[in-house]
All heavy atoms as atom14 arrays in JSON, in Angstrom:
{
  "sequence": "INQAYWSFFLSFILHFIMDAIPHGDRGHIDEFASGKRLKFLFSTR",
  "atom14_mask": [
    [1, 1, 1, 1, 1, 1, 1, 1, 0, 0, 0, 0, 0, 0],
    [1, 1, 1, 1, 1, 1, 1, 1, 0, 0, 0, 0, 0, 0],
    [1, 1, 1, 1, 1, 1, 1, 1, 1, 0, 0, 0, 0, 0],
    [1, 1, 1, 1, 1, 0, 0, 0, 0, 0, 0, 0, 0, 0],
    [1, 1, 1, 1, 1, 1, 1, 1, 1, 1, 1, 1, 0, 0],
    [1, 1, 1, 1, 1, 1, 1, 1, 1, 1, 1, 1, 1, 1],
    [1, 1, 1, 1, 1, 1, 0, 0, 0, 0, 0, 0, 0, 0],
    [1, 1, 1, 1, 1, 1, 1, 1, 1, 1, 1, 0, 0, 0],
    [1, 1, 1, 1, 1, 1, 1, 1, 1, 1, 1, 0, 0, 0],
    [1, 1, 1, 1, 1, 1, 1, 1, 0, 0, 0, 0, 0, 0],
    [1, 1, 1, 1, 1, 1, 0, 0, 0, 0, 0, 0, 0, 0],
    [1, 1, 1, 1, 1, 1, 1, 1, 1, 1, 1, 0, 0, 0],
    [1, 1, 1, 1, 1, 1, 1, 1, 0, 0, 0, 0, 0, 0],
    [1, 1, 1, 1, 1, 1, 1, 1, 0, 0, 0, 0, 0, 0],
    [1, 1, 1, 1, 1, 1, 1, 1, 1, 1, 0, 0, 0, 0],
    [1, 1, 1, 1, 1, 1, 1, 1, 1, 1, 1, 0, 0, 0],
    [1, 1, 1, 1, 1, 1, 1, 1, 0, 0, 0, 0, 0, 0],
    [1, 1, 1, 1, 1, 1, 1, 1, 0, 0, 0, 0, 0, 0],
    [1, 1, 1, 1, 1, 1, 1, 1, 0, 0, 0, 0, 0, 0],
    [1, 1, 1, 1, 1, 0, 0, 0, 0, 0, 0, 0, 0, 0],
    [1, 1, 1, 1, 1, 1, 1, 1, 0, 0, 0, 0, 0, 0],
    [1, 1, 1, 1, 1, 1, 1, 0, 0, 0, 0, 0, 0, 0],
    [1, 1, 1, 1, 1, 1, 1, 1, 1, 1, 0, 0, 0, 0],
    [1, 1, 1, 1, 0, 0, 0, 0, 0, 0, 0, 0, 0, 0],
    [1, 1, 1, 1, 1, 1, 1, 1, 0, 0, 0, 0, 0, 0],
    [1, 1, 1, 1, 1, 1, 1, 1, 1, 1, 1, 0, 0, 0],
    [1, 1, 1, 1, 0, 0, 0, 0, 0, 0, 0, 0, 0, 0],
    [1, 1, 1, 1, 1, 1, 1, 1, 1, 1, 0, 0, 0, 0],
    [1, 1, 1, 1, 1, 1, 1, 1, 0, 0, 0, 0, 0, 0],
    [1, 1, 1, 1, 1, 1, 1, 1, 0, 0, 0, 0, 0, 0],
    [1, 1, 1, 1, 1, 1, 1, 1, 1, 0, 0, 0, 0, 0],
    [1, 1, 1, 1, 1, 1, 1, 1, 1, 1, 1, 0, 0, 0],
    [1, 1, 1, 1, 1, 0, 0, 0, 0, 0, 0, 0, 0, 0],
    [1, 1, 1, 1, 1, 1, 0, 0, 0, 0, 0, 0, 0, 0],
    [1, 1, 1, 1, 0, 0, 0, 0, 0, 0, 0, 0, 0, 0],
    [1, 1, 1, 1, 1, 1, 1, 1, 1, 0, 0, 0, 0, 0],
    [1, 1, 1, 1, 1, 1, 1, 1, 1, 1, 1, 0, 0, 0],
    [1, 1, 1, 1, 1, 1, 1, 1, 0, 0, 0, 0, 0, 0],
    [1, 1, 1, 1, 1, 1, 1, 1, 1, 0, 0, 0, 0, 0],
    [1, 1, 1, 1, 1, 1, 1, 1, 1, 1, 1, 0, 0, 0],
    [1, 1, 1, 1, 1, 1, 1, 1, 0, 0, 0, 0, 0, 0],
    [1, 1, 1, 1, 1, 1, 1, 1, 1, 1, 1, 0, 0, 0],
    [1, 1, 1, 1, 1, 1, 0, 0, 0, 0, 0, 0, 0, 0],
    [1, 1, 1, 1, 1, 1, 1, 0, 0, 0, 0, 0, 0, 0],
    [1, 1, 1, 1, 1, 1, 1, 1, 1, 1, 1, 0, 0, 0]
  ],
  "atom14_positions": [
    [[0.8, -1.21, -0.02], [0.0, 0.01, 0.05], [0.85, 1.23, 0.05], [0.57, 2.2, -0.66], [-0.97, 0.01, 1.17], [-2.04, -1.06, 0.96], [-1.59, 1.34, 1.41], [-3.05, -1.19, 2.0], [0.0, 0.0, 0.0], [0.0, 0.0, 0.0], [0.0, 0.0, 0.0], [0.0, 0.0, 0.0], [0.0, 0.0, 0.0], [0.0, 0.0, 0.0]],
    [[1.96, 1.25, 0.75], [2.8, 2.39, 0.9], [2.14, 3.71, 1.36], [2.43, 4.76, 0.92], [3.62, 2.62, -0.42], [4.75, 3.64, -0.15], [5.24, 3.86, 0.95], [5.16, 4.36, -1.23], [0.0, 0.0, 0.0], [0.0, 0.0, 0.0], [0.0, 0.0, 0.0], [0.0, 0.0, 0.0], [0.0, 0.0, 0.0], [0.0, 0.0, 0.0]],
    [[1.14, 3.53, 2.19], [0.53, 4.63, 2.85], [0.37, 4.29, 4.34], [-0.44, 3.36, 4.67], [-0.92, 4.93, 2.25], [-0.87, 5.45, 0.81], [-0.42, 6.92, 0.86], [-0.76, 7.65, 1.77], [0.2, 7.34, -0.25], [0.0, 0.0, 0.0], [0.0, 0.0, 0.0], [0.0, 0.0, 0.0], [0.0, 0.0, 0.0], [0.0, 0.0, 0.0]],
    [[1.13, 4.94, 5.19], [1.16, 4.5, 6.57], [-0.2, 4.44, 7.21], [-0.57, 3.44, 7.91], [2.05, 5.39, 7.4], [0.0, 0.0, 0.0], [0.0, 0.0, 0.0], [0.0, 0.0, 0.0], [0.0, 0.0, 0.0], [0.0, 0.0, 0.0], [0.0, 0.0, 0.0], [0.0, 0.0, 0.0], [0.0, 0.0, 0.0], [0.0, 0.0, 0.0]],
    [[-1.05, 5.45, 7.06], [-2.34, 5.43, 7.69], [-3.25, 4.35, 7.14], [-3.88, 3.61, 7.96], [-3.09, 6.8, 7.43], [-2.36, 7.98, 8.07], [-1.79, 8.95, 7.24], [-2.11, 8.02, 9.41], [-1.11, 10.05, 7.82], [-1.42, 9.1, 9.99], [-0.91, 10.1, 9.18], [-0.24, 11.14, 9.66], [0.0, 0.0, 0.0], [0.0, 0.0, 0.0]],
    [[-3.28, 4.13, 5.86], [-4.05, 3.07, 5.27], [-3.55, 1.7, 5.63], [-4.28, 0.72, 5.94], [-4.18, 3.21, 3.76], [-5.17, 4.18, 3.34], [-4.95, 5.45, 2.78], [-6.53, 4.1, 3.43], [-6.11, 6.06, 2.55], [-7.13, 5.25, 2.93], [-7.44, 3.1, 3.86], [-8.52, 5.42, 2.86], [-8.72, 3.28, 3.83], [-9.3, 4.45, 3.34]],
    [[-2.22, 1.64, 5.68], [-1.64, 0.37, 6.12], [-2.04, 0.01, 7.53], [-2.38, -1.19, 7.76], [-0.09, 0.5, 6.03], [0.6, -0.67, 6.45], [0.0, 0.0, 0.0], [0.0, 0.0, 0.0], [0.0, 0.0, 0.0], [0.0, 0.0, 0.0], [0.0, 0.0, 0.0], [0.0, 0.0, 0.0], [0.0, 0.0, 0.0], [0.0, 0.0, 0.0]],
    [[-1.99, 0.99, 8.46], [-2.45, 0.69, 9.85], [-3.88, 0.32, 9.82], [-4.26, -0.74, 10.5], [-2.16, 1.97, 10.7], [-2.7, 1.88, 12.04], [-1.91, 1.29, 13.06], [-4.0, 2.34, 12.37], [-2.42, 1.21, 14.38], [-4.49, 2.17, 13.66], [-3.71, 1.64, 14.65], [0.0, 0.0, 0.0], [0.0, 0.0, 0.0], [0.0, 0.0, 0.0]],
    [[-4.72, 1.09, 9.25], [-6.16, 0.86, 9.28], [-6.53, -0.49, 8.67], [-7.32, -1.31, 9.31], [-6.91, 2.0, 8.49], [-8.36, 1.78, 8.43], [-9.21, 1.96, 9.55], [-8.94, 1.35, 7.21], [-10.53, 1.74, 9.44], [-10.3, 1.18, 7.15], [-11.14, 1.41, 8.21], [0.0, 0.0, 0.0], [0.0, 0.0, 0.0], [0.0, 0.0, 0.0]],
    [[-6.03, -0.84, 7.47], [-6.39, -2.08, 6.82], [-5.82, -3.28, 7.59], [-6.49, -4.31, 7.65], [-5.9, -2.04, 5.39], [-6.62, -1.11, 4.51], [-5.99, -1.06, 3.12], [-8.13, -1.48, 4.31], [0.0, 0.0, 0.0], [0.0, 0.0, 0.0], [0.0, 0.0, 0.0], [0.0, 0.0, 0.0], [0.0, 0.0, 0.0], [0.0, 0.0, 0.0]],
    [[-4.63, -3.12, 8.18], [-4.09, -4.23, 8.99], [-4.89, -4.42, 10.24], [-5.07, -5.56, 10.65], [-2.62, -3.91, 9.35], [-1.86, -3.84, 8.15], [0.0, 0.0, 0.0], [0.0, 0.0, 0.0], [0.0, 0.0, 0.0], [0.0, 0.0, 0.0], [0.0, 0.0, 0.0], [0.0, 0.0, 0.0], [0.0, 0.0, 0.0], [0.0, 0.0, 0.0]],
    [[-5.36, -3.4, 10.83], [-6.23, -3.47, 12.0], [-7.48, -4.21, 11.68], [-7.91, -5.15, 12.39], [-6.55, -2.04, 12.51], [-7.24, -2.01, 13.88], [-6.48, -2.06, 15.05], [-8.62, -1.88, 13.97], [-7.11, -2.03, 16.28], [-9.21, -1.88, 15.21], [-8.48, -1.92, 16.36], [0.0, 0.0, 0.0], [0.0, 0.0, 0.0], [0.0, 0.0, 0.0]],
    [[-8.15, -3.87, 10.54], [-9.39, -4.51, 10.14], [-9.09, -6.02, 9.75], [-9.84, -6.89, 10.08], [-10.05, -3.77, 8.96], [-10.4, -2.37, 9.35], [-11.19, -4.51, 8.4], [-11.36, -2.26, 10.51], [0.0, 0.0, 0.0], [0.0, 0.0, 0.0], [0.0, 0.0, 0.0], [0.0, 0.0, 0.0], [0.0, 0.0, 0.0], [0.0, 0.0, 0.0]],
    [[-8.0, -6.24, 9.02], [-7.64, -7.59, 8.61], [-7.43, -8.5, 9.84], [-7.71, -9.68, 9.77], [-6.4, -7.58, 7.74], [-5.94, -8.97, 7.26], [-7.02, -9.61, 6.36], [-4.62, -8.89, 6.52], [0.0, 0.0, 0.0], [0.0, 0.0, 0.0], [0.0, 0.0, 0.0], [0.0, 0.0, 0.0], [0.0, 0.0, 0.0], [0.0, 0.0, 0.0]],
    [[-6.94, -7.89, 10.95], [-6.78, -8.72, 12.15], [-8.06, -9.42, 12.49], [-8.04, -10.62, 12.81], [-6.37, -7.87, 13.3], [-6.13, -8.55, 14.61], [-4.98, -8.88, 15.06], [-7.08, -9.03, 15.52], [-5.12, -9.54, 16.23], [-6.4, -9.65, 16.45], [0.0, 0.0, 0.0], [0.0, 0.0, 0.0], [0.0, 0.0, 0.0], [0.0, 0.0, 0.0]],
    [[-9.21, -8.73, 12.4], [-10.52, -9.32, 12.83], [-10.96, -10.32, 11.81], [-11.52, -11.37, 12.17], [-11.51, -8.19, 13.05], [-11.15, -7.34, 14.2], [-10.63, -6.05, 13.97], [-11.25, -7.81, 15.5], [-10.23, -5.29, 14.99], [-10.87, -6.97, 16.59], [-10.33, -5.68, 16.3], [0.0, 0.0, 0.0], [0.0, 0.0, 0.0], [0.0, 0.0, 0.0]],
    [[-10.67, -10.08, 10.53], [-11.04, -11.05, 9.5], [-10.23, -12.34, 9.68], [-10.81, -13.41, 9.6], [-10.81, -10.47, 8.1], [-11.75, -9.23, 7.83], [-11.01, -11.5, 6.99], [-11.44, -8.39, 6.66], [0.0, 0.0, 0.0], [0.0, 0.0, 0.0], [0.0, 0.0, 0.0], [0.0, 0.0, 0.0], [0.0, 0.0, 0.0], [0.0, 0.0, 0.0]],
    [[-9.0, -12.17, 9.99], [-8.13, -13.36, 10.24], [-8.6, -14.14, 11.46], [-8.55, -15.36, 11.49], [-6.66, -12.96, 10.36], [-6.03, -12.42, 9.04], [-4.43, -11.74, 9.27], [-3.42, -13.19, 9.71], [0.0, 0.0, 0.0], [0.0, 0.0, 0.0], [0.0, 0.0, 0.0], [0.0, 0.0, 0.0], [0.0, 0.0, 0.0], [0.0, 0.0, 0.0]],
    [[-8.98, -13.39, 12.48], [-9.46, -14.04, 13.69], [-10.73, -14.75, 13.54], [-11.01, -15.73, 14.31], [-9.63, -13.0, 14.84], [-8.3, -12.73, 15.56], [-7.28, -13.5, 15.3], [-8.31, -11.82, 16.37], [0.0, 0.0, 0.0], [0.0, 0.0, 0.0], [0.0, 0.0, 0.0], [0.0, 0.0, 0.0], [0.0, 0.0, 0.0], [0.0, 0.0, 0.0]],
    [[-11.58, -14.39, 12.55], [-12.84, -15.06, 12.3], [-12.57, -16.48, 11.7], [-13.4, -17.37, 11.85], [-13.72, -14.24, 11.37], [0.0, 0.0, 0.0], [0.0, 0.0, 0.0], [0.0, 0.0, 0.0], [0.0, 0.0, 0.0], [0.0, 0.0, 0.0], [0.0, 0.0, 0.0], [0.0, 0.0, 0.0], [0.0, 0.0, 0.0], [0.0, 0.0, 0.0]],
    [[-11.49, -16.63, 11.02], [-11.1, -17.93, 10.45], [-10.68, -18.86, 11.57], [-9.8, -18.5, 12.31], [-9.96, -17.79, 9.37], [-10.46, -16.87, 8.25], [-9.6, -19.12, 8.86], [-9.32, -16.36, 7.37], [0.0, 0.0, 0.0], [0.0, 0.0, 0.0], [0.0, 0.0, 0.0], [0.0, 0.0, 0.0], [0.0, 0.0, 0.0], [0.0, 0.0, 0.0]],
    [[-11.25, -20.07, 11.63], [-10.86, -20.97, 12.75], [-9.36, -21.25, 12.66], [-8.84, -21.54, 11.6], [-11.65, -22.24, 12.47], [-12.87, -21.78, 11.78], [-12.38, -20.6, 10.87], [0.0, 0.0, 0.0], [0.0, 0.0, 0.0], [0.0, 0.0, 0.0], [0.0, 0.0, 0.0], [0.0, 0.0, 0.0], [0.0, 0.0, 0.0], [0.0, 0.0, 0.0]],
    [[-8.67, -21.08, 13.8], [-7.22, -21.25, 13.82], [-6.71, -21.88, 15.1], [-5.57, -21.66, 15.49], [-6.54, -19.83, 13.6], [-7.05, -18.73, 14.5], [-8.08, -17.99, 14.18], [-6.59, -18.32, 15.66], [-8.25, -17.07, 15.13], [-7.38, -17.3, 16.02], [0.0, 0.0, 0.0], [0.0, 0.0, 0.0], [0.0, 0.0, 0.0], [0.0, 0.0, 0.0]],
    [[-7.51, -22.66, 15.76], [-7.03, -23.53, 16.81], [-6.84, -22.94, 18.14], [-6.39, -23.64, 19.04], [0.0, 0.0, 0.0], [0.0, 0.0, 0.0], [0.0, 0.0, 0.0], [0.0, 0.0, 0.0], [0.0, 0.0, 0.0], [0.0, 0.0, 0.0], [0.0, 0.0, 0.0], [0.0, 0.0, 0.0], [0.0, 0.0, 0.0], [0.0, 0.0, 0.0]],
    [[-7.32, -21.69, 18.42], [-7.09, -21.16, 19.76], [-8.34, -20.66, 20.43], [-8.29, -19.97, 21.41], [-6.04, -20.03, 19.72], [-6.52, -18.77, 19.04], [-7.55, -18.78, 18.44], [-5.78, -17.76, 19.2], [0.0, 0.0, 0.0], [0.0, 0.0, 0.0], [0.0, 0.0, 0.0], [0.0, 0.0, 0.0], [0.0, 0.0, 0.0], [0.0, 0.0, 0.0]],
    [[-9.46, -21.09, 19.93], [-10.75, -20.67, 20.51], [-10.84, -21.02, 21.98], [-11.21, -20.2, 22.78], [-11.92, -21.32, 19.78], [-13.24, -20.89, 20.33], [-14.43, -21.46, 19.65], [-14.45, -21.19, 18.24], [-14.61, -22.02, 17.32], [-14.86, -23.25, 17.54], [-14.57, -21.66, 16.02], [0.0, 0.0, 0.0], [0.0, 0.0, 0.0], [0.0, 0.0, 0.0]],
    [[-10.43, -22.2, 22.32], [-10.44, -22.59, 23.76], [-9.41, -21.9, 24.64], [-9.62, -21.8, 25.87], [0.0, 0.0, 0.0], [0.0, 0.0, 0.0], [0.0, 0.0, 0.0], [0.0, 0.0, 0.0], [0.0, 0.0, 0.0], [0.0, 0.0, 0.0], [0.0, 0.0, 0.0], [0.0, 0.0, 0.0], [0.0, 0.0, 0.0], [0.0, 0.0, 0.0]],
    [[-8.42, -21.33, 24.01], [-7.36, -20.64, 24.79], [-7.9, -19.41, 25.5], [-7.46, -19.12, 26.61], [-6.21, -20.2, 23.89], [-5.39, -21.38, 23.36], [-4.27, -21.22, 22.62], [-5.57, -22.75, 23.51], [-3.77, -22.43, 22.34], [-4.58, -23.36, 22.86], [0.0, 0.0, 0.0], [0.0, 0.0, 0.0], [0.0, 0.0, 0.0], [0.0, 0.0, 0.0]],
    [[-8.84, -18.75, 24.89], [-9.39, -17.53, 25.48], [-10.1, -17.89, 26.84], [-9.89, -17.32, 27.85], [-10.31, -16.79, 24.55], [-9.57, -16.28, 23.32], [-11.04, -15.67, 25.25], [-10.39, -15.83, 22.18], [0.0, 0.0, 0.0], [0.0, 0.0, 0.0], [0.0, 0.0, 0.0], [0.0, 0.0, 0.0], [0.0, 0.0, 0.0], [0.0, 0.0, 0.0]],
    [[-10.96, -18.98, 26.74], [-11.66, -19.45, 27.88], [-10.7, -19.99, 28.92], [-10.92, -19.8, 30.13], [-12.7, -20.44, 27.46], [-13.78, -19.88, 26.57], [-14.09, -18.64, 26.69], [-14.32, -20.59, 25.74], [0.0, 0.0, 0.0], [0.0, 0.0, 0.0], [0.0, 0.0, 0.0], [0.0, 0.0, 0.0], [0.0, 0.0, 0.0], [0.0, 0.0, 0.0]],
    [[-9.75, -20.73, 28.49], [-8.71, -21.31, 29.39], [-7.98, -20.2, 30.18], [-7.72, -20.33, 31.33], [-7.75, -22.23, 28.65], [-8.39, -23.55, 28.18], [-7.47, -24.27, 27.37], [-6.45, -23.8, 26.9], [-7.79, -25.48, 27.03], [0.0, 0.0, 0.0], [0.0, 0.0, 0.0], [0.0, 0.0, 0.0], [0.0, 0.0, 0.0], [0.0, 0.0, 0.0]],
    [[-7.62, -19.16, 29.47], [-6.88, -18.04, 30.09], [-7.79, -17.43, 31.1], [-7.33, -17.1, 32.23], [-6.43, -17.02, 29.07], [-5.61, -15.96, 29.68], [-4.26, -16.14, 29.93], [-6.21, -14.72, 30.03], [-3.53, -15.16, 30.51], [-5.45, -13.72, 30.63], [-4.1, -13.94, 30.88], [0.0, 0.0, 0.0], [0.0, 0.0, 0.0], [0.0, 0.0, 0.0]],
    [[-9.0, -17.14, 30.78], [-9.94, -16.48, 31.63], [-10.21, -17.32, 32.89], [-10.36, -16.8, 34.02], [-11.3, -16.16, 30.98], [0.0, 0.0, 0.0], [0.0, 0.0, 0.0], [0.0, 0.0, 0.0], [0.0, 0.0, 0.0], [0.0, 0.0, 0.0], [0.0, 0.0, 0.0], [0.0, 0.0, 0.0], [0.0, 0.0, 0.0], [0.0, 0.0, 0.0]],
    [[-10.22, -18.61, 32.78], [-10.42, -19.48, 33.92], [-9.18, -19.88, 34.67], [-9.24, -20.52, 35.79], [-11.22, -20.75, 33.44], [-10.33, -21.57, 32.67], [0.0, 0.0, 0.0], [0.0, 0.0, 0.0], [0.0, 0.0, 0.0], [0.0, 0.0, 0.0], [0.0, 0.0, 0.0], [0.0, 0.0, 0.0], [0.0, 0.0, 0.0], [0.0, 0.0, 0.0]],
    [[-8.02, -19.55, 34.13], [-6.78, -19.84, 34.82], [-6.24, -21.24, 34.51], [-5.22, -21.7, 35.11], [0.0, 0.0, 0.0], [0.0, 0.0, 0.0], [0.0, 0.0, 0.0], [0.0, 0.0, 0.0], [0.0, 0.0, 0.0], [0.0, 0.0, 0.0], [0.0, 0.0, 0.0], [0.0, 0.0, 0.0], [0.0, 0.0, 0.0], [0.0, 0.0, 0.0]],
    [[-6.84, -21.93, 33.54], [-6.34, -23.24, 33.16], [-5.12, -23.09, 32.18], [-5.11, -22.22, 31.4], [-7.41, -24.11, 32.49], [-8.56, -24.41, 33.36], [-9.61, -25.16, 32.55], [-10.87, -25.39, 33.45], [-11.92, -26.06, 32.64], [0.0, 0.0, 0.0], [0.0, 0.0, 0.0], [0.0, 0.0, 0.0], [0.0, 0.0, 0.0], [0.0, 0.0, 0.0]],
    [[-4.19, -24.11, 32.31], [-3.09, -24.21, 31.36], [-2.31, -22.88, 31.23], [-1.85, -22.62, 30.12], [-3.52, -24.73, 30.02], [-4.08, -26.1, 30.06], [-4.6, -26.62, 28.75], [-3.86, -26.01, 27.59], [-3.89, -26.47, 26.41], [-4.59, -27.57, 26.17], [-3.27, -25.9, 25.44], [0.0, 0.0, 0.0], [0.0, 0.0, 0.0], [0.0, 0.0, 0.0]],
    [[-2.13, -22.12, 32.28], [-1.51, -20.85, 32.15], [-0.08, -20.93, 31.68], [0.42, -20.08, 30.97], [-1.63, -20.09, 33.48], [-2.96, -19.49, 33.83], [-2.97, -18.75, 35.13], [-3.36, -18.57, 32.69], [0.0, 0.0, 0.0], [0.0, 0.0, 0.0], [0.0, 0.0, 0.0], [0.0, 0.0, 0.0], [0.0, 0.0, 0.0], [0.0, 0.0, 0.0]],
    [[0.68, -21.99, 32.16], [2.07, -22.08, 31.77], [2.17, -22.26, 30.23], [3.02, -21.63, 29.61], [2.78, -23.3, 32.5], [3.05, -22.98, 33.94], [3.73, -24.19, 34.52], [4.06, -24.01, 36.02], [4.74, -25.06, 36.65], [0.0, 0.0, 0.0], [0.0, 0.0, 0.0], [0.0, 0.0, 0.0], [0.0, 0.0, 0.0], [0.0, 0.0, 0.0]],
    [[1.35, -23.12, 29.68], [1.31, -23.31, 28.24], [0.98, -22.02, 27.5], [1.67, -21.63, 26.56], [0.34, -24.47, 27.87], [0.15, -24.59, 26.35], [1.18, -25.14, 25.59], [-1.01, -24.08, 25.72], [0.94, -25.23, 24.22], [-1.18, -24.22, 24.42], [-0.24, -24.79, 23.59], [0.0, 0.0, 0.0], [0.0, 0.0, 0.0], [0.0, 0.0, 0.0]],
    [[-0.09, -21.42, 27.94], [-0.59, -20.21, 27.28], [0.5, -19.12, 27.37], [0.78, -18.39, 26.35], [-1.93, -19.75, 27.89], [-3.09, -20.71, 27.67], [-4.26, -20.21, 28.43], [-3.42, -20.78, 26.2], [0.0, 0.0, 0.0], [0.0, 0.0, 0.0], [0.0, 0.0, 0.0], [0.0, 0.0, 0.0], [0.0, 0.0, 0.0], [0.0, 0.0, 0.0]],
    [[1.08, -18.84, 28.58], [2.08, -17.77, 28.69], [3.33, -18.13, 27.87], [3.9, -17.28, 27.24], [2.46, -17.6, 30.21], [1.51, -16.62, 30.86], [0.88, -17.0, 31.97], [1.3, -15.36, 30.36], [0.06, -16.08, 32.68], [0.42, -14.49, 31.0], [-0.22, -14.85, 32.15], [0.0, 0.0, 0.0], [0.0, 0.0, 0.0], [0.0, 0.0, 0.0]],
    [[3.74, -19.38, 27.88], [5.0, -19.78, 27.16], [4.79, -19.61, 25.68], [5.68, -19.16, 25.03], [5.43, -21.15, 27.53], [4.46, -22.13, 27.13], [0.0, 0.0, 0.0], [0.0, 0.0, 0.0], [0.0, 0.0, 0.0], [0.0, 0.0, 0.0], [0.0, 0.0, 0.0], [0.0, 0.0, 0.0], [0.0, 0.0, 0.0], [0.0, 0.0, 0.0]],
    [[3.58, -20.01, 25.1], [3.36, -19.79, 23.72], [3.26, -18.33, 23.36], [3.79, -17.87, 22.27], [2.12, -20.52, 23.21], [0.99, -20.12, 23.97], [2.29, -22.04, 23.36], [0.0, 0.0, 0.0], [0.0, 0.0, 0.0], [0.0, 0.0, 0.0], [0.0, 0.0, 0.0], [0.0, 0.0, 0.0], [0.0, 0.0, 0.0], [0.0, 0.0, 0.0]],
    [[2.65, -17.57, 24.18], [2.53, -16.1, 23.92], [3.9, -15.39, 23.98], [4.21, -14.54, 23.2], [1.57, -15.44, 24.8], [0.1, -15.9, 24.72], [-0.29, -16.22, 23.33], [-1.69, -16.47, 23.14], [-2.19, -17.7, 22.94], [-1.42, -18.73, 22.93], [-3.51, -17.83, 22.75], [0.0, 0.0, 0.0], [0.0, 0.0, 0.0], [0.0, 0.0, 0.0]]
  ]
}
């Protein structure tokens, strides 16, 4: 794109589009919130 503002904005929007595609971490959000598997979650992050 070579436009900093558009690059930021489109990348921000694309983040949500990418997150809508199943990618194997749906359960991680709930596990983090409940305190399960924290070592695994922190180490991967």
